[in-house]
């Protein structure tokens, strides 16, 4: 049995996620991707992970639950 300093639950108790919806062919896609890349290269994502202790022998207990989105999912 593996001993871990922390274990990551399959569901988040609190999440702050962000998504950007752009039209196909949007002129904003390239600048947006460039800024995200700069943030990644600047270490902001790694610093956030370090601040909450991820990467310190974390164990992940996850069951993938992703499936394709269908039109019926969007019709409330």
N, C-alpha and C. Protein backbone atom coordinates (compact mmCIF):
# COMPACT_ATOMS: atom_id res chain seq x y z
N UNK A 1 0.85 -1.19 0.00
CA UNK A 1 0.00 0.00 0.00
C UNK A 1 0.89 1.24 0.00
N UNK A 2 0.52 2.19 -0.82
CA UNK A 2 1.30 3.42 -0.95
C UNK A 2 0.91 4.42 0.14
N UNK A 3 1.90 4.99 0.80
CA UNK A 3 1.65 6.02 1.80
C UNK A 3 1.90 7.38 1.16
N UNK A 4 0.95 8.26 1.33
CA UNK A 4 1.03 9.58 0.70
C UNK A 4 0.93 10.68 1.74
N UNK A 5 1.62 11.77 1.47
CA UNK A 5 1.50 12.93 2.35
C UNK A 5 0.11 13.53 2.26
N UNK A 6 -0.41 13.59 1.04
CA UNK A 6 -1.78 14.06 0.84
C UNK A 6 -2.44 13.17 -0.20
N UNK A 7 -3.74 13.18 -0.22
CA UNK A 7 -4.51 12.49 -1.25
C UNK A 7 -5.46 13.49 -1.88
N UNK A 8 -5.61 13.42 -3.16
CA UNK A 8 -6.48 14.34 -3.88
C UNK A 8 -7.78 13.63 -4.17
N UNK A 9 -8.86 14.19 -3.67
CA UNK A 9 -10.19 13.60 -3.86
C UNK A 9 -10.61 13.73 -5.32
N UNK A 10 -11.46 12.82 -5.78
CA UNK A 10 -11.91 12.89 -7.17
C UNK A 10 -12.79 14.10 -7.46
N UNK A 11 -13.49 14.60 -6.47
CA UNK A 11 -14.32 15.78 -6.65
C UNK A 11 -13.74 16.90 -5.80
N UNK A 12 -13.75 18.09 -6.35
CA UNK A 12 -13.22 19.24 -5.61
C UNK A 12 -14.25 19.75 -4.62
N UNK A 13 -13.77 20.18 -3.48
CA UNK A 13 -14.64 20.77 -2.50
C UNK A 13 -14.87 22.25 -2.81
N UNK A 14 -13.92 22.82 -3.46
CA UNK A 14 -14.01 24.20 -3.90
C UNK A 14 -13.21 24.30 -5.19
N UNK A 15 -13.76 24.93 -6.16
CA UNK A 15 -13.04 25.06 -7.43
C UNK A 15 -13.21 26.46 -7.97
N UNK A 16 -12.15 26.94 -8.54
CA UNK A 16 -12.21 28.21 -9.24
C UNK A 16 -11.65 27.93 -10.63
N UNK A 17 -12.54 27.80 -11.55
CA UNK A 17 -12.14 27.49 -12.91
C UNK A 17 -12.55 28.63 -13.83
N UNK A 18 -11.88 28.71 -14.93
CA UNK A 18 -12.18 29.78 -15.87
C UNK A 18 -12.22 29.18 -17.27
N UNK A 19 -13.14 29.63 -18.05
CA UNK A 19 -13.23 29.19 -19.44
C UNK A 19 -13.47 30.40 -20.32
N UNK A 20 -12.99 30.32 -21.51
CA UNK A 20 -13.20 31.38 -22.48
C UNK A 20 -13.90 30.78 -23.69
N UNK A 21 -14.99 31.37 -24.07
CA UNK A 21 -15.70 30.93 -25.26
C UNK A 21 -15.46 31.91 -26.38
N UNK A 22 -14.91 31.43 -27.46
CA UNK A 22 -14.62 32.28 -28.61
C UNK A 22 -15.27 31.68 -29.85
N UNK A 23 -15.68 32.55 -30.74
CA UNK A 23 -16.23 32.08 -32.01
C UNK A 23 -15.11 31.43 -32.83
N UNK A 24 -15.49 30.46 -33.64
CA UNK A 24 -14.53 29.82 -34.53
C UNK A 24 -13.88 30.89 -35.41
N UNK A 25 -12.56 30.85 -35.49
CA UNK A 25 -11.83 31.82 -36.30
C UNK A 25 -11.63 33.17 -35.63
N UNK A 26 -11.93 33.27 -34.33
CA UNK A 26 -11.81 34.54 -33.63
C UNK A 26 -10.38 35.06 -33.66
N UNK A 27 -10.25 36.36 -33.85
CA UNK A 27 -8.93 36.99 -33.84
C UNK A 27 -8.35 37.06 -32.43
N UNK A 28 -9.16 36.76 -31.43
CA UNK A 28 -8.69 36.79 -30.04
C UNK A 28 -8.00 35.50 -29.60
N UNK A 29 -8.18 34.42 -30.36
CA UNK A 29 -7.64 33.14 -29.95
C UNK A 29 -6.12 33.16 -29.81
N UNK A 30 -5.42 33.67 -30.81
CA UNK A 30 -3.96 33.69 -30.76
C UNK A 30 -3.43 34.53 -29.60
N UNK A 31 -3.91 35.79 -29.41
CA UNK A 31 -3.40 36.57 -28.27
C UNK A 31 -3.74 35.93 -26.92
N UNK A 32 -4.91 35.33 -26.82
CA UNK A 32 -5.29 34.67 -25.56
C UNK A 32 -4.35 33.51 -25.27
N UNK A 33 -4.11 32.67 -26.26
CA UNK A 33 -3.19 31.54 -26.08
C UNK A 33 -1.77 32.02 -25.75
N UNK A 34 -1.35 33.11 -26.37
CA UNK A 34 -0.02 33.66 -26.09
C UNK A 34 0.09 34.12 -24.64
N UNK A 35 -0.94 34.76 -24.13
CA UNK A 35 -0.91 35.23 -22.74
C UNK A 35 -0.92 34.06 -21.76
N UNK A 36 -1.71 33.04 -22.05
CA UNK A 36 -1.73 31.85 -21.19
C UNK A 36 -0.36 31.19 -21.20
N UNK A 37 0.27 31.12 -22.38
CA UNK A 37 1.61 30.54 -22.48
C UNK A 37 2.62 31.34 -21.67
N UNK A 38 2.54 32.67 -21.73
CA UNK A 38 3.44 33.53 -20.95
C UNK A 38 3.25 33.28 -19.45
N UNK A 39 2.01 33.13 -19.03
CA UNK A 39 1.74 32.86 -17.61
C UNK A 39 2.35 31.52 -17.20
N UNK A 40 2.21 30.51 -18.05
CA UNK A 40 2.78 29.19 -17.74
C UNK A 40 4.30 29.27 -17.67
N UNK A 41 4.91 29.94 -18.66
CA UNK A 41 6.36 30.07 -18.68
C UNK A 41 6.87 30.92 -17.52
N UNK A 42 6.07 31.87 -17.07
CA UNK A 42 6.45 32.72 -15.95
C UNK A 42 6.35 32.02 -14.60
N UNK A 43 5.74 30.85 -14.59
CA UNK A 43 5.69 30.06 -13.37
C UNK A 43 4.48 30.29 -12.49
N UNK A 44 3.49 31.03 -12.96
CA UNK A 44 2.35 31.33 -12.10
C UNK A 44 1.56 30.07 -11.73
N UNK A 45 1.43 29.14 -12.68
CA UNK A 45 0.68 27.92 -12.39
C UNK A 45 1.46 27.02 -11.43
N UNK A 46 2.76 26.92 -11.63
CA UNK A 46 3.60 26.12 -10.74
C UNK A 46 3.61 26.71 -9.33
N UNK A 47 3.63 28.04 -9.24
CA UNK A 47 3.62 28.69 -7.93
C UNK A 47 2.31 28.42 -7.20
N UNK A 48 1.21 28.43 -7.93
CA UNK A 48 -0.09 28.15 -7.31
C UNK A 48 -0.14 26.71 -6.81
N UNK A 49 0.36 25.77 -7.60
CA UNK A 49 0.39 24.37 -7.16
C UNK A 49 1.28 24.21 -5.92
N UNK A 50 2.41 24.88 -5.92
CA UNK A 50 3.33 24.80 -4.78
C UNK A 50 2.68 25.38 -3.53
N UNK A 51 1.94 26.47 -3.69
CA UNK A 51 1.31 27.14 -2.55
C UNK A 51 0.29 26.25 -1.85
N UNK A 52 -0.36 25.38 -2.60
CA UNK A 52 -1.37 24.52 -1.97
C UNK A 52 -0.83 23.12 -1.69
N UNK A 53 0.45 22.92 -1.92
CA UNK A 53 1.07 21.67 -1.53
C UNK A 53 0.95 20.53 -2.52
N UNK A 54 0.51 20.78 -3.72
CA UNK A 54 0.46 19.72 -4.71
C UNK A 54 1.88 19.40 -5.16
N UNK A 55 2.11 18.19 -5.54
CA UNK A 55 3.43 17.80 -5.97
C UNK A 55 4.27 17.24 -4.83
N UNK A 56 3.74 17.24 -3.62
CA UNK A 56 4.46 16.68 -2.48
C UNK A 56 3.90 15.29 -2.19
N UNK A 57 4.29 14.36 -3.02
CA UNK A 57 3.82 12.98 -2.89
C UNK A 57 2.30 12.90 -2.88
N UNK A 58 1.68 13.61 -3.77
CA UNK A 58 0.22 13.56 -3.86
C UNK A 58 -0.21 12.28 -4.55
N UNK A 59 -1.27 11.70 -4.06
CA UNK A 59 -1.88 10.55 -4.71
C UNK A 59 -3.20 10.99 -5.31
N UNK A 60 -3.45 10.54 -6.48
CA UNK A 60 -4.71 10.90 -7.12
C UNK A 60 -5.62 9.68 -7.15
N UNK A 61 -6.82 9.89 -6.65
CA UNK A 61 -7.84 8.86 -6.69
C UNK A 61 -8.94 9.40 -7.59
N UNK A 62 -8.87 9.06 -8.84
CA UNK A 62 -9.79 9.65 -9.79
C UNK A 62 -10.43 8.57 -10.66
N UNK A 63 -11.66 8.80 -10.99
CA UNK A 63 -12.36 7.98 -11.96
C UNK A 63 -12.81 8.92 -13.07
N UNK A 64 -12.26 8.79 -14.26
CA UNK A 64 -12.66 9.71 -15.32
C UNK A 64 -14.16 9.65 -15.56
N UNK A 65 -14.76 10.80 -15.67
CA UNK A 65 -16.20 10.87 -15.87
C UNK A 65 -16.54 11.70 -17.10
N UNK A 66 -15.57 11.94 -17.92
CA UNK A 66 -15.82 12.79 -19.08
C UNK A 66 -16.52 11.99 -20.17
N UNK A 67 -17.40 12.65 -20.87
CA UNK A 67 -18.09 12.05 -22.01
C UNK A 67 -18.37 13.16 -23.00
N UNK A 68 -18.62 12.82 -24.23
CA UNK A 68 -18.92 13.86 -25.22
C UNK A 68 -20.20 14.62 -24.85
N UNK A 69 -20.21 15.91 -25.13
CA UNK A 69 -21.39 16.74 -24.88
C UNK A 69 -22.35 16.55 -26.05
N UNK A 70 -23.63 16.37 -25.70
CA UNK A 70 -24.66 16.20 -26.73
C UNK A 70 -25.61 17.39 -26.67
N UNK A 71 -26.32 17.63 -27.76
CA UNK A 71 -27.26 18.75 -27.83
C UNK A 71 -28.26 18.71 -26.67
N UNK A 72 -28.74 17.55 -26.31
CA UNK A 72 -29.69 17.42 -25.21
C UNK A 72 -29.15 17.93 -23.88
N UNK A 73 -27.83 17.89 -23.70
CA UNK A 73 -27.21 18.39 -22.48
C UNK A 73 -27.36 19.90 -22.35
N UNK A 74 -27.52 20.58 -23.46
CA UNK A 74 -27.56 22.04 -23.48
C UNK A 74 -28.97 22.60 -23.47
N UNK A 75 -29.96 21.73 -23.43
CA UNK A 75 -31.34 22.18 -23.55
C UNK A 75 -32.06 22.29 -22.22
N UNK A 76 -31.33 22.28 -21.12
CA UNK A 76 -31.88 22.49 -19.79
C UNK A 76 -32.98 21.60 -19.51
